[in-house]
Amino acid sequence: MADINAPGYWDAAYREERDGWDMGTPTPVFVDLLTRFDMDFRSIGGEHYARMGRPPRVLIPCSGRGYDALLFAGRGWDVTAVDFAAEPLSWLRSEAAHAGLPVTILQEDMFSMARSHPAQYDLIVEYTCVCAIEPDRRQEFLSFANAVLRPGGTLLALLFPVDGRPGGPPFSIDVDGFTRDAAAHFTLAHDEVPATSVKPRLGKERLLLWRKGKD
């Protein structure tokens, strides 16, 4: 069986068009959030990022082709996209250059960023990343998120799938279990089943926002 912890697995999936998770567009839930709130996320427990005096720094792990990276960059965020597969990042580099958007693109294992980029980011935007890694690495993901976020930083996660499906990837996420694990580093500020999910995933996603630190 191919190793999902190796970039070759994902490069092959992109080359062979086994990339059913790729919608070809920015995530509708995030489009809706930015349309409604711009950089003021206070109504969902986040910050008014526009008041920081600099472009807020957002990290998008497992970025794939980076549609969400382009979305946030186009709205004025300082965006870093990380993925350890080369195939999708090649597309993202071309699209970012064509659009004139300054996206920082890193081809590396995101977990290594806990050491190389400590306390660098104001916001992490997670979608189809937690479901792509081995379920027993989810606590490692939360430790990575805690390490790369500045004090008080935000983890915004659109968890999918949450329908208890067998097998994977994508591996189904037990939201209650994930939330309990997150409590070691974060305080939960928002939890909803979004009404703006893409139709095939409607009701199979949960939008949660955590703030780094304990109340």
N, C-alpha and C. Protein backbone atom coordinates (compact mmCIF):
# COMPACT_ATOMS: atom_id res chain seq x y z
N MET A 1 0.84 -1.20 0.00
CA MET A 1 0.00 0.00 0.00
C MET A 1 0.88 1.25 0.00
N ALA A 2 0.50 2.25 -0.82
CA ALA A 2 1.27 3.49 -0.88
C ALA A 2 1.22 4.21 0.46
N ASP A 3 2.27 4.97 0.74
CA ASP A 3 2.42 5.65 2.02
C ASP A 3 1.84 7.06 1.93
N ILE A 4 0.74 7.32 2.62
CA ILE A 4 0.15 8.65 2.54
C ILE A 4 0.99 9.68 3.28
N ASN A 5 2.00 9.23 4.05
CA ASN A 5 2.89 10.16 4.72
C ASN A 5 4.05 10.59 3.84
N ALA A 6 4.05 10.17 2.58
CA ALA A 6 5.11 10.51 1.64
C ALA A 6 4.53 11.38 0.52
N PRO A 7 5.27 12.39 0.06
CA PRO A 7 4.73 13.26 -0.98
C PRO A 7 4.43 12.52 -2.28
N GLY A 8 5.15 11.43 -2.56
CA GLY A 8 4.91 10.70 -3.79
C GLY A 8 3.49 10.20 -3.93
N TYR A 9 2.87 9.83 -2.83
CA TYR A 9 1.47 9.36 -2.86
C TYR A 9 0.57 10.45 -3.42
N TRP A 10 0.75 11.67 -2.94
CA TRP A 10 -0.12 12.77 -3.34
C TRP A 10 0.24 13.30 -4.72
N ASP A 11 1.53 13.33 -5.05
CA ASP A 11 1.91 13.73 -6.41
C ASP A 11 1.27 12.81 -7.44
N ALA A 12 1.30 11.51 -7.17
CA ALA A 12 0.69 10.55 -8.09
C ALA A 12 -0.82 10.77 -8.18
N ALA A 13 -1.45 11.06 -7.05
CA ALA A 13 -2.90 11.29 -7.07
C ALA A 13 -3.26 12.48 -7.95
N TYR A 14 -2.46 13.54 -7.88
CA TYR A 14 -2.72 14.70 -8.74
C TYR A 14 -2.45 14.36 -10.21
N ARG A 15 -1.34 13.71 -10.48
CA ARG A 15 -1.01 13.38 -11.88
C ARG A 15 -2.05 12.48 -12.51
N GLU A 16 -2.56 11.53 -11.72
CA GLU A 16 -3.51 10.54 -12.23
C GLU A 16 -4.96 10.97 -12.05
N GLU A 17 -5.14 12.23 -11.65
CA GLU A 17 -6.48 12.81 -11.48
C GLU A 17 -7.32 12.02 -10.48
N ARG A 18 -6.65 11.52 -9.45
CA ARG A 18 -7.35 10.90 -8.32
C ARG A 18 -7.46 11.92 -7.18
N ASP A 19 -7.84 13.13 -7.55
CA ASP A 19 -7.87 14.25 -6.61
C ASP A 19 -9.31 14.74 -6.44
N GLY A 20 -10.18 13.82 -6.04
CA GLY A 20 -11.58 14.16 -5.90
C GLY A 20 -11.87 15.20 -4.85
N TRP A 21 -10.94 15.44 -3.93
CA TRP A 21 -11.13 16.47 -2.91
C TRP A 21 -10.98 17.87 -3.50
N ASP A 22 -10.37 17.97 -4.68
CA ASP A 22 -10.05 19.26 -5.30
C ASP A 22 -11.30 19.78 -6.02
N MET A 23 -11.89 20.87 -5.50
CA MET A 23 -13.12 21.41 -6.07
C MET A 23 -12.86 22.35 -7.24
N GLY A 24 -11.60 22.77 -7.41
CA GLY A 24 -11.27 23.68 -8.51
C GLY A 24 -11.61 25.13 -8.24
N THR A 25 -12.08 25.42 -7.03
CA THR A 25 -12.46 26.78 -6.66
C THR A 25 -12.13 27.00 -5.18
N PRO A 26 -12.10 28.25 -4.73
CA PRO A 26 -11.97 28.49 -3.29
C PRO A 26 -13.13 27.85 -2.53
N THR A 27 -12.89 27.53 -1.28
CA THR A 27 -13.90 26.89 -0.44
C THR A 27 -15.06 27.85 -0.18
N PRO A 28 -16.29 27.47 -0.55
CA PRO A 28 -17.43 28.39 -0.39
C PRO A 28 -17.61 28.92 1.02
N VAL A 29 -17.34 28.09 2.03
CA VAL A 29 -17.50 28.57 3.41
C VAL A 29 -16.55 29.73 3.69
N PHE A 30 -15.32 29.65 3.19
CA PHE A 30 -14.35 30.72 3.43
C PHE A 30 -14.68 31.95 2.57
N VAL A 31 -15.17 31.74 1.37
CA VAL A 31 -15.62 32.87 0.55
C VAL A 31 -16.71 33.64 1.28
N ASP A 32 -17.66 32.91 1.87
CA ASP A 32 -18.74 33.54 2.60
C ASP A 32 -18.23 34.31 3.82
N LEU A 33 -17.30 33.71 4.57
CA LEU A 33 -16.76 34.38 5.75
C LEU A 33 -16.07 35.69 5.38
N LEU A 34 -15.25 35.66 4.35
CA LEU A 34 -14.52 36.87 3.96
C LEU A 34 -15.46 37.91 3.36
N THR A 35 -16.49 37.45 2.67
CA THR A 35 -17.46 38.39 2.11
C THR A 35 -18.23 39.10 3.21
N ARG A 36 -18.61 38.35 4.24
CA ARG A 36 -19.39 38.94 5.34
C ARG A 36 -18.55 39.73 6.32
N PHE A 37 -17.35 39.23 6.63
CA PHE A 37 -16.57 39.79 7.73
C PHE A 37 -15.30 40.50 7.30
N ASP A 38 -14.85 40.30 6.07
CA ASP A 38 -13.56 40.82 5.62
C ASP A 38 -12.48 40.33 6.59
N MET A 39 -11.85 41.23 7.35
CA MET A 39 -10.83 40.80 8.30
C MET A 39 -11.31 40.88 9.75
N ASP A 40 -12.57 41.18 9.95
CA ASP A 40 -13.09 41.32 11.31
C ASP A 40 -13.82 40.04 11.72
N PHE A 41 -13.09 39.14 12.38
CA PHE A 41 -13.63 37.84 12.74
C PHE A 41 -14.17 37.81 14.18
N ARG A 42 -14.40 38.98 14.77
CA ARG A 42 -14.81 39.01 16.18
C ARG A 42 -16.15 38.30 16.41
N SER A 43 -17.04 38.34 15.44
CA SER A 43 -18.36 37.74 15.65
C SER A 43 -18.31 36.23 15.74
N ILE A 44 -17.19 35.62 15.31
CA ILE A 44 -17.04 34.17 15.46
C ILE A 44 -15.88 33.83 16.40
N GLY A 45 -15.51 34.78 17.23
CA GLY A 45 -14.52 34.51 18.26
C GLY A 45 -13.09 34.83 17.90
N GLY A 46 -12.88 35.38 16.71
CA GLY A 46 -11.53 35.73 16.28
C GLY A 46 -11.19 37.18 16.59
N GLU A 47 -10.33 37.74 15.77
CA GLU A 47 -9.84 39.10 15.97
C GLU A 47 -10.32 40.03 14.86
N HIS A 48 -10.13 41.33 15.08
CA HIS A 48 -10.29 42.31 14.02
C HIS A 48 -8.89 42.48 13.40
N TYR A 49 -8.59 41.62 12.46
CA TYR A 49 -7.22 41.55 11.93
C TYR A 49 -6.79 42.82 11.23
N ALA A 50 -7.71 43.58 10.70
CA ALA A 50 -7.35 44.81 10.00
C ALA A 50 -6.76 45.86 10.94
N ARG A 51 -6.94 45.67 12.24
CA ARG A 51 -6.42 46.63 13.21
C ARG A 51 -5.01 46.31 13.67
N MET A 52 -4.39 45.32 13.06
CA MET A 52 -3.07 44.89 13.51
C MET A 52 -1.95 45.83 13.08
N GLY A 53 -2.22 46.69 12.11
CA GLY A 53 -1.20 47.61 11.63
C GLY A 53 -0.28 47.01 10.60
N ARG A 54 -0.58 45.79 10.16
CA ARG A 54 0.19 45.10 9.12
C ARG A 54 -0.73 44.03 8.54
N PRO A 55 -0.41 43.51 7.36
CA PRO A 55 -1.24 42.43 6.82
C PRO A 55 -1.19 41.22 7.74
N PRO A 56 -2.33 40.68 8.13
CA PRO A 56 -2.32 39.51 9.01
C PRO A 56 -1.73 38.30 8.31
N ARG A 57 -0.96 37.52 9.04
CA ARG A 57 -0.26 36.37 8.47
C ARG A 57 -1.11 35.11 8.63
N VAL A 58 -1.43 34.48 7.52
CA VAL A 58 -2.25 33.27 7.53
C VAL A 58 -1.47 32.12 6.91
N LEU A 59 -1.55 30.98 7.55
CA LEU A 59 -0.91 29.76 7.04
C LEU A 59 -2.00 28.80 6.60
N ILE A 60 -1.83 28.26 5.39
CA ILE A 60 -2.77 27.27 4.86
C ILE A 60 -2.00 25.97 4.66
N PRO A 61 -2.13 25.02 5.60
CA PRO A 61 -1.42 23.74 5.48
C PRO A 61 -2.16 22.81 4.53
N CYS A 62 -1.39 21.86 3.94
CA CYS A 62 -1.98 20.93 2.96
C CYS A 62 -2.72 21.74 1.90
N SER A 63 -2.08 22.77 1.38
CA SER A 63 -2.76 23.75 0.55
C SER A 63 -3.22 23.21 -0.79
N GLY A 64 -2.59 22.12 -1.27
CA GLY A 64 -2.92 21.64 -2.60
C GLY A 64 -2.68 22.73 -3.63
N ARG A 65 -3.61 22.87 -4.56
CA ARG A 65 -3.44 23.88 -5.61
C ARG A 65 -3.64 25.31 -5.10
N GLY A 66 -4.08 25.45 -3.88
CA GLY A 66 -4.03 26.76 -3.23
C GLY A 66 -5.13 27.73 -3.61
N TYR A 67 -6.31 27.22 -3.92
CA TYR A 67 -7.41 28.14 -4.24
C TYR A 67 -7.71 29.06 -3.05
N ASP A 68 -7.66 28.51 -1.84
CA ASP A 68 -7.91 29.33 -0.66
C ASP A 68 -6.76 30.29 -0.39
N ALA A 69 -5.55 29.88 -0.72
CA ALA A 69 -4.41 30.79 -0.59
C ALA A 69 -4.59 32.00 -1.49
N LEU A 70 -5.04 31.77 -2.71
CA LEU A 70 -5.28 32.87 -3.64
C LEU A 70 -6.43 33.74 -3.17
N LEU A 71 -7.46 33.11 -2.59
CA LEU A 71 -8.61 33.85 -2.06
C LEU A 71 -8.15 34.82 -0.97
N PHE A 72 -7.42 34.32 0.02
CA PHE A 72 -7.00 35.18 1.13
C PHE A 72 -6.00 36.24 0.66
N ALA A 73 -5.09 35.86 -0.22
CA ALA A 73 -4.11 36.83 -0.73
C ALA A 73 -4.81 37.96 -1.48
N GLY A 74 -5.85 37.61 -2.23
CA GLY A 74 -6.59 38.62 -2.96
C GLY A 74 -7.37 39.56 -2.07
N ARG A 75 -7.59 39.18 -0.81
CA ARG A 75 -8.28 40.03 0.16
C ARG A 75 -7.30 40.75 1.08
N GLY A 76 -6.01 40.70 0.75
CA GLY A 76 -5.03 41.50 1.48
C GLY A 76 -4.30 40.82 2.61
N TRP A 77 -4.48 39.50 2.76
CA TRP A 77 -3.77 38.77 3.81
C TRP A 77 -2.36 38.41 3.33
N ASP A 78 -1.45 38.27 4.28
CA ASP A 78 -0.07 37.81 4.02
C ASP A 78 -0.11 36.28 4.12
N VAL A 79 -0.11 35.61 2.96
CA VAL A 79 -0.43 34.19 2.89
C VAL A 79 0.80 33.32 2.68
N THR A 80 0.87 32.26 3.47
CA THR A 80 1.84 31.18 3.25
C THR A 80 1.06 29.90 3.01
N ALA A 81 1.36 29.25 1.89
CA ALA A 81 0.76 27.96 1.55
C ALA A 81 1.83 26.90 1.65
N VAL A 82 1.54 25.81 2.35
CA VAL A 82 2.52 24.74 2.49
C VAL A 82 1.89 23.41 2.09
N ASP A 83 2.66 22.64 1.34
CA ASP A 83 2.25 21.29 0.95
C ASP A 83 3.55 20.55 0.63
N PHE A 84 3.58 19.24 0.89
CA PHE A 84 4.83 18.54 0.54
C PHE A 84 4.76 17.86 -0.82
N ALA A 85 3.66 18.03 -1.55
CA ALA A 85 3.55 17.51 -2.91
C ALA A 85 3.94 18.61 -3.90
N ALA A 86 4.73 18.26 -4.88
CA ALA A 86 5.21 19.25 -5.86
C ALA A 86 4.16 19.60 -6.90
N GLU A 87 3.36 18.62 -7.32
CA GLU A 87 2.43 18.83 -8.44
C GLU A 87 1.48 20.00 -8.20
N PRO A 88 0.75 20.05 -7.10
CA PRO A 88 -0.19 21.17 -6.93
C PRO A 88 0.49 22.51 -6.74
N LEU A 89 1.67 22.51 -6.12
CA LEU A 89 2.35 23.77 -5.87
C LEU A 89 2.87 24.39 -7.16
N SER A 90 3.20 23.57 -8.14
CA SER A 90 3.59 24.09 -9.45
C SER A 90 2.45 24.90 -10.05
N TRP A 91 1.25 24.36 -9.95
CA TRP A 91 0.06 25.07 -10.46
C TRP A 91 -0.14 26.37 -9.68
N LEU A 92 0.00 26.31 -8.35
CA LEU A 92 -0.21 27.49 -7.52
C LEU A 92 0.80 28.59 -7.85
N ARG A 93 2.05 28.22 -8.04
CA ARG A 93 3.06 29.23 -8.38
C ARG A 93 2.68 29.96 -9.67
N SER A 94 2.24 29.20 -10.66
CA SER A 94 1.86 29.79 -11.94
C SER A 94 0.66 30.71 -11.78
N GLU A 95 -0.36 30.27 -11.04
CA GLU A 95 -1.57 31.06 -10.87
C GLU A 95 -1.31 32.32 -10.06
N ALA A 96 -0.50 32.20 -9.01
CA ALA A 96 -0.18 33.37 -8.18
C ALA A 96 0.58 34.41 -8.99
N ALA A 97 1.53 33.95 -9.80
CA ALA A 97 2.29 34.87 -10.63
C ALA A 97 1.39 35.54 -11.66
N HIS A 98 0.50 34.76 -12.27
CA HIS A 98 -0.42 35.30 -13.28
C HIS A 98 -1.34 36.35 -12.67
N ALA A 99 -1.79 36.10 -11.44
CA ALA A 99 -2.70 37.03 -10.77
C ALA A 99 -1.98 38.17 -10.08
N GLY A 100 -0.66 38.09 -9.99
CA GLY A 100 0.11 39.12 -9.30
C GLY A 100 -0.11 39.12 -7.80
N LEU A 101 -0.33 37.93 -7.24
CA LEU A 101 -0.59 37.82 -5.80
C LEU A 101 0.64 37.28 -5.08
N PRO A 102 1.10 37.95 -4.03
CA PRO A 102 2.33 37.55 -3.33
C PRO A 102 2.09 36.43 -2.32
N VAL A 103 1.97 35.21 -2.78
CA VAL A 103 1.80 34.06 -1.91
C VAL A 103 3.15 33.41 -1.65
N THR A 104 3.51 33.22 -0.39
CA THR A 104 4.71 32.47 -0.04
C THR A 104 4.36 30.99 -0.14
N ILE A 105 5.13 30.24 -0.94
CA ILE A 105 4.82 28.84 -1.22
C ILE A 105 5.97 27.98 -0.71
N LEU A 106 5.65 27.07 0.20
CA LEU A 106 6.65 26.19 0.80
C LEU A 106 6.33 24.75 0.45
N GLN A 107 7.31 24.07 -0.16
CA GLN A 107 7.17 22.64 -0.38
C GLN A 107 7.97 21.93 0.70
N GLU A 108 7.26 21.53 1.74
CA GLU A 108 7.91 20.84 2.85
C GLU A 108 6.85 20.15 3.70
N ASP A 109 7.30 19.32 4.58
CA ASP A 109 6.41 18.66 5.54
C ASP A 109 5.96 19.71 6.55
N MET A 110 4.66 19.93 6.64
CA MET A 110 4.18 21.00 7.51
C MET A 110 4.62 20.80 8.96
N PHE A 111 4.76 19.55 9.39
CA PHE A 111 5.12 19.30 10.77
C PHE A 111 6.50 19.86 11.12
N SER A 112 7.38 19.97 10.12
CA SER A 112 8.71 20.52 10.37
C SER A 112 8.65 22.01 10.69
N MET A 113 7.53 22.66 10.34
CA MET A 113 7.41 24.10 10.59
C MET A 113 7.29 24.43 12.07
N ALA A 114 6.97 23.43 12.89
CA ALA A 114 6.93 23.67 14.33
C ALA A 114 8.29 24.15 14.83
N ARG A 115 9.35 23.69 14.16
CA ARG A 115 10.72 24.10 14.52
C ARG A 115 11.19 25.31 13.71
N SER A 116 10.84 25.34 12.42
CA SER A 116 11.37 26.38 11.55
C SER A 116 10.57 27.68 11.55
N HIS A 117 9.30 27.64 11.97
CA HIS A 117 8.46 28.84 11.93
C HIS A 117 7.69 29.01 13.26
N PRO A 118 8.37 29.02 14.38
CA PRO A 118 7.63 29.14 15.65
C PRO A 118 6.97 30.51 15.81
N ALA A 119 5.72 30.49 16.25
CA ALA A 119 4.97 31.71 16.58
C ALA A 119 4.95 32.73 15.44
N GLN A 120 4.84 32.25 14.21
CA GLN A 120 4.93 33.12 13.05
C GLN A 120 3.57 33.63 12.56
N TYR A 121 2.49 32.92 12.85
CA TYR A 121 1.24 33.18 12.14
C TYR A 121 0.13 33.64 13.08
N ASP A 122 -0.75 34.48 12.52
CA ASP A 122 -1.91 34.96 13.25
C ASP A 122 -3.10 34.01 13.11
N LEU A 123 -3.16 33.32 11.98
CA LEU A 123 -4.30 32.48 11.67
C LEU A 123 -3.85 31.26 10.87
N ILE A 124 -4.38 30.11 11.21
CA ILE A 124 -4.26 28.90 10.39
C ILE A 124 -5.64 28.60 9.83
N VAL A 125 -5.70 28.33 8.53
CA VAL A 125 -6.94 27.95 7.87
C VAL A 125 -6.80 26.50 7.43
N GLU A 126 -7.58 25.63 8.06
CA GLU A 126 -7.49 24.19 7.81
C GLU A 126 -8.73 23.69 7.07
N TYR A 127 -8.49 23.00 5.95
CA TYR A 127 -9.57 22.32 5.23
C TYR A 127 -8.96 21.15 4.45
N THR A 128 -9.53 19.99 4.63
CA THR A 128 -9.08 18.73 4.02
C THR A 128 -7.61 18.43 4.30
N CYS A 129 -7.12 18.88 5.46
CA CYS A 129 -5.77 18.55 5.89
C CYS A 129 -5.83 17.49 6.99
N VAL A 130 -6.63 17.76 8.02
CA VAL A 130 -6.75 16.80 9.12
C VAL A 130 -7.28 15.46 8.61
N CYS A 131 -8.16 15.47 7.64
CA CYS A 131 -8.72 14.22 7.12
C CYS A 131 -7.76 13.48 6.21
N ALA A 132 -6.68 14.14 5.79
CA ALA A 132 -5.74 13.53 4.86
C ALA A 132 -4.58 12.84 5.56
N ILE A 133 -4.33 13.21 6.81
CA ILE A 133 -3.23 12.58 7.54
C ILE A 133 -3.75 11.38 8.31
N GLU A 134 -2.83 10.51 8.72
CA GLU A 134 -3.23 9.36 9.52
C GLU A 134 -3.94 9.85 10.78
N PRO A 135 -5.07 9.23 11.15
CA PRO A 135 -5.80 9.69 12.33
C PRO A 135 -4.96 9.75 13.60
N ASP A 136 -3.97 8.87 13.71
CA ASP A 136 -3.17 8.90 14.93
C ASP A 136 -2.16 10.06 14.95
N ARG A 137 -2.16 10.90 13.88
CA ARG A 137 -1.28 12.07 13.85
C ARG A 137 -2.04 13.37 14.15
N ARG A 138 -3.28 13.25 14.52
CA ARG A 138 -4.08 14.47 14.72
C ARG A 138 -3.62 15.28 15.92
N GLN A 139 -3.17 14.61 16.97
CA GLN A 139 -2.61 15.36 18.09
C GLN A 139 -1.31 16.06 17.67
N GLU A 140 -0.57 15.41 16.77
CA GLU A 140 0.64 16.04 16.24
C GLU A 140 0.28 17.28 15.44
N PHE A 141 -0.82 17.21 14.69
CA PHE A 141 -1.29 18.39 13.94
C PHE A 141 -1.60 19.53 14.91
N LEU A 142 -2.29 19.23 15.99
CA LEU A 142 -2.65 20.27 16.95
C LEU A 142 -1.41 20.86 17.63
N SER A 143 -0.42 20.04 17.89
CA SER A 143 0.84 20.54 18.46
C SER A 143 1.56 21.44 17.47
N PHE A 144 1.54 21.05 16.19
CA PHE A 144 2.13 21.88 15.13
C PHE A 144 1.41 23.23 15.06
N ALA A 145 0.07 23.21 15.08
CA ALA A 145 -0.69 24.45 15.01
C ALA A 145 -0.37 25.35 16.19
N ASN A 146 -0.28 24.78 17.36
CA ASN A 146 0.06 25.55 18.56
C ASN A 146 1.45 26.16 18.43
N ALA A 147 2.38 25.42 17.84
CA ALA A 147 3.75 25.91 17.75
C ALA A 147 3.90 27.06 16.76
N VAL A 148 3.19 27.01 15.64
CA VAL A 148 3.41 28.03 14.60
C VAL A 148 2.53 29.27 14.79
N LEU A 149 1.50 29.19 15.63
CA LEU A 149 0.67 30.36 15.90
C LEU A 149 1.30 31.23 16.98
N ARG A 150 1.17 32.53 16.82
CA ARG A 150 1.61 33.43 17.88
C ARG A 150 0.67 33.31 19.07
N PRO A 151 1.06 33.79 20.25
CA PRO A 151 0.15 33.76 21.39
C PRO A 151 -1.17 34.47 21.05
N GLY A 152 -2.27 33.81 21.35
CA GLY A 152 -3.57 34.36 21.02
C GLY A 152 -4.01 34.14 19.60
N GLY A 153 -3.18 33.47 18.79
CA GLY A 153 -3.51 33.21 17.40
C GLY A 153 -4.69 32.27 17.26
N THR A 154 -5.16 32.13 16.03
CA THR A 154 -6.42 31.46 15.76
C THR A 154 -6.25 30.27 14.83
N LEU A 155 -6.90 29.19 15.19
CA LEU A 155 -7.02 28.02 14.31
C LEU A 155 -8.46 27.97 13.82
N LEU A 156 -8.66 28.20 12.53
CA LEU A 156 -9.98 28.13 11.90
C LEU A 156 -10.01 26.85 11.08
N ALA A 157 -10.87 25.92 11.48
CA ALA A 157 -10.89 24.60 10.85
C ALA A 157 -12.28 24.28 10.31
N LEU A 158 -12.34 23.97 9.04
CA LEU A 158 -13.56 23.44 8.44
C LEU A 158 -13.34 21.93 8.34
N LEU A 159 -13.82 21.22 9.34
CA LEU A 159 -13.55 19.79 9.44
C LEU A 159 -14.47 19.00 8.51
N PHE A 160 -13.85 18.16 7.70
CA PHE A 160 -14.57 17.31 6.74
C PHE A 160 -13.74 16.05 6.53
N PRO A 161 -14.40 14.90 6.38
CA PRO A 161 -15.81 14.62 6.60
C PRO A 161 -16.06 14.28 8.08
N VAL A 162 -17.26 14.56 8.52
CA VAL A 162 -17.61 14.28 9.92
C VAL A 162 -18.81 13.32 9.98
N ASP A 163 -18.92 12.50 8.93
CA ASP A 163 -20.09 11.63 8.79
C ASP A 163 -19.84 10.18 9.19
N GLY A 164 -18.66 9.91 9.78
CA GLY A 164 -18.38 8.57 10.28
C GLY A 164 -18.08 7.54 9.21
N ARG A 165 -17.77 7.97 8.01
CA ARG A 165 -17.48 7.03 6.92
C ARG A 165 -16.26 6.18 7.25
N PRO A 166 -16.22 4.94 6.77
CA PRO A 166 -15.05 4.09 7.02
C PRO A 166 -13.94 4.39 6.02
N GLY A 167 -12.75 3.89 6.36
CA GLY A 167 -11.62 3.99 5.44
C GLY A 167 -11.08 5.39 5.30
N GLY A 168 -10.28 5.56 4.26
CA GLY A 168 -9.70 6.85 3.96
C GLY A 168 -8.32 6.69 3.34
N PRO A 169 -7.70 7.78 2.94
CA PRO A 169 -8.21 9.14 3.05
C PRO A 169 -9.32 9.43 2.03
N PRO A 170 -10.23 10.37 2.35
CA PRO A 170 -10.27 11.14 3.59
C PRO A 170 -10.77 10.31 4.77
N PHE A 171 -10.12 10.50 5.92
CA PHE A 171 -10.50 9.81 7.14
C PHE A 171 -11.54 10.66 7.89
N SER A 172 -12.64 10.02 8.26
CA SER A 172 -13.68 10.75 8.99
C SER A 172 -13.12 11.28 10.32
N ILE A 173 -13.63 12.44 10.72
CA ILE A 173 -13.16 13.12 11.92
C ILE A 173 -14.24 13.08 13.00
N ASP A 174 -13.88 12.58 14.15
CA ASP A 174 -14.74 12.62 15.33
C ASP A 174 -14.58 14.01 15.93
N VAL A 175 -15.54 14.89 15.70
CA VAL A 175 -15.40 16.28 16.12
C VAL A 175 -15.25 16.40 17.63
N ASP A 176 -16.02 15.63 18.38
CA ASP A 176 -15.92 15.70 19.84
C ASP A 176 -14.54 15.28 20.32
N GLY A 177 -14.01 14.20 19.73
CA GLY A 177 -12.68 13.75 20.10
C GLY A 177 -11.61 14.75 19.72
N PHE A 178 -11.72 15.31 18.53
CA PHE A 178 -10.75 16.30 18.08
C PHE A 178 -10.80 17.54 18.97
N THR A 179 -12.00 17.94 19.35
CA THR A 179 -12.15 19.11 20.22
C THR A 179 -11.54 18.86 21.60
N ARG A 180 -11.73 17.65 22.12
CA ARG A 180 -11.10 17.33 23.42
C ARG A 180 -9.59 17.41 23.31
N ASP A 181 -9.03 16.89 22.22
CA ASP A 181 -7.57 16.96 22.04
C ASP A 181 -7.11 18.40 21.89
N ALA A 182 -7.88 19.21 21.18
CA ALA A 182 -7.51 20.61 20.96
C ALA A 182 -7.46 21.40 22.26
N ALA A 183 -8.23 20.97 23.25
CA ALA A 183 -8.30 21.70 24.51
C ALA A 183 -6.96 21.73 25.25
N ALA A 184 -6.02 20.89 24.86
CA ALA A 184 -4.69 20.93 25.48
C ALA A 184 -3.95 22.22 25.14
N HIS A 185 -4.31 22.84 24.00
CA HIS A 185 -3.60 24.03 23.54
C HIS A 185 -4.51 25.23 23.28
N PHE A 186 -5.80 24.97 23.04
CA PHE A 186 -6.68 26.00 22.52
C PHE A 186 -7.98 26.11 23.31
N THR A 187 -8.62 27.27 23.16
CA THR A 187 -9.95 27.50 23.70
C THR A 187 -10.94 27.61 22.55
N LEU A 188 -11.97 26.80 22.57
CA LEU A 188 -12.97 26.81 21.50
C LEU A 188 -13.83 28.07 21.61
N ALA A 189 -13.94 28.80 20.48
CA ALA A 189 -14.71 30.04 20.48
C ALA A 189 -15.92 29.99 19.57
N HIS A 190 -15.95 29.04 18.61
CA HIS A 190 -17.07 29.01 17.66
C HIS A 190 -17.21 27.60 17.11
N ASP A 191 -18.46 27.19 16.90
CA ASP A 191 -18.75 25.85 16.37
C ASP A 191 -20.08 25.91 15.65
N GLU A 192 -20.10 25.55 14.37
CA GLU A 192 -21.35 25.55 13.62
C GLU A 192 -21.27 24.54 12.48
N VAL A 193 -22.45 24.10 12.05
CA VAL A 193 -22.58 23.35 10.80
C VAL A 193 -22.90 24.39 9.73
N PRO A 194 -21.95 24.70 8.84
CA PRO A 194 -22.18 25.81 7.91
C PRO A 194 -23.24 25.50 6.87
N ALA A 195 -24.03 26.52 6.56
CA ALA A 195 -25.06 26.38 5.53
C ALA A 195 -24.52 26.67 4.14
N THR A 196 -23.25 27.10 4.07
CA THR A 196 -22.67 27.50 2.79
C THR A 196 -21.70 26.47 2.22
N SER A 197 -21.68 25.27 2.79
CA SER A 197 -20.84 24.20 2.25
C SER A 197 -21.23 23.91 0.81
N VAL A 198 -20.25 23.44 0.02
CA VAL A 198 -20.57 22.99 -1.33
C VAL A 198 -21.59 21.86 -1.23
N LYS A 199 -22.53 21.80 -2.15
CA LYS A 199 -23.70 20.94 -1.99
C LYS A 199 -23.39 19.49 -1.64
N PRO A 200 -22.42 18.82 -2.30
CA PRO A 200 -22.17 17.41 -1.94
C PRO A 200 -21.67 17.22 -0.52
N ARG A 201 -21.17 18.29 0.11
CA ARG A 201 -20.61 18.19 1.46
C ARG A 201 -21.51 18.86 2.50
N LEU A 202 -22.66 19.33 2.09
CA LEU A 202 -23.56 20.01 3.01
C LEU A 202 -23.99 19.06 4.13
N GLY A 203 -23.79 19.51 5.38
CA GLY A 203 -24.12 18.70 6.54
C GLY A 203 -23.03 17.72 6.94
N LYS A 204 -21.95 17.66 6.14
CA LYS A 204 -20.84 16.75 6.43
C LYS A 204 -19.59 17.50 6.88
N GLU A 205 -19.77 18.81 7.15
CA GLU A 205 -18.65 19.66 7.57
C GLU A 205 -19.03 20.39 8.86
N ARG A 206 -18.01 20.72 9.66
CA ARG A 206 -18.19 21.54 10.86
C ARG A 206 -17.14 22.63 10.83
N LEU A 207 -17.58 23.84 11.07
CA LEU A 207 -16.68 24.99 11.13
C LEU A 207 -16.42 25.33 12.58
N LEU A 208 -15.16 25.26 12.98
CA LEU A 208 -14.78 25.56 14.37
C LEU A 208 -13.64 26.56 14.39
N LEU A 209 -13.65 27.39 15.42
CA LEU A 209 -12.58 28.36 15.60
C LEU A 209 -12.06 28.25 17.03
N TRP A 210 -10.75 28.08 17.13
CA TRP A 210 -10.08 28.01 18.43
C TRP A 210 -9.09 29.16 18.56
N ARG A 211 -8.96 29.69 19.78
CA ARG A 211 -7.93 30.66 20.09
C ARG A 211 -6.82 29.96 20.87
N LYS A 212 -5.58 30.26 20.49
CA LYS A 212 -4.44 29.67 21.18
C LYS A 212 -4.39 30.17 22.63
N GLY A 213 -4.27 29.24 23.55
CA GLY A 213 -4.19 29.58 24.96
C GLY A 213 -5.42 29.11 25.71
N LYS A 214 -5.35 29.15 27.00
CA LYS A 214 -6.43 28.68 27.86
C LYS A 214 -7.09 29.87 28.53
N ASP A 215 -8.41 29.85 28.60
CA ASP A 215 -9.13 30.91 29.31
C ASP A 215 -8.89 30.79 30.82
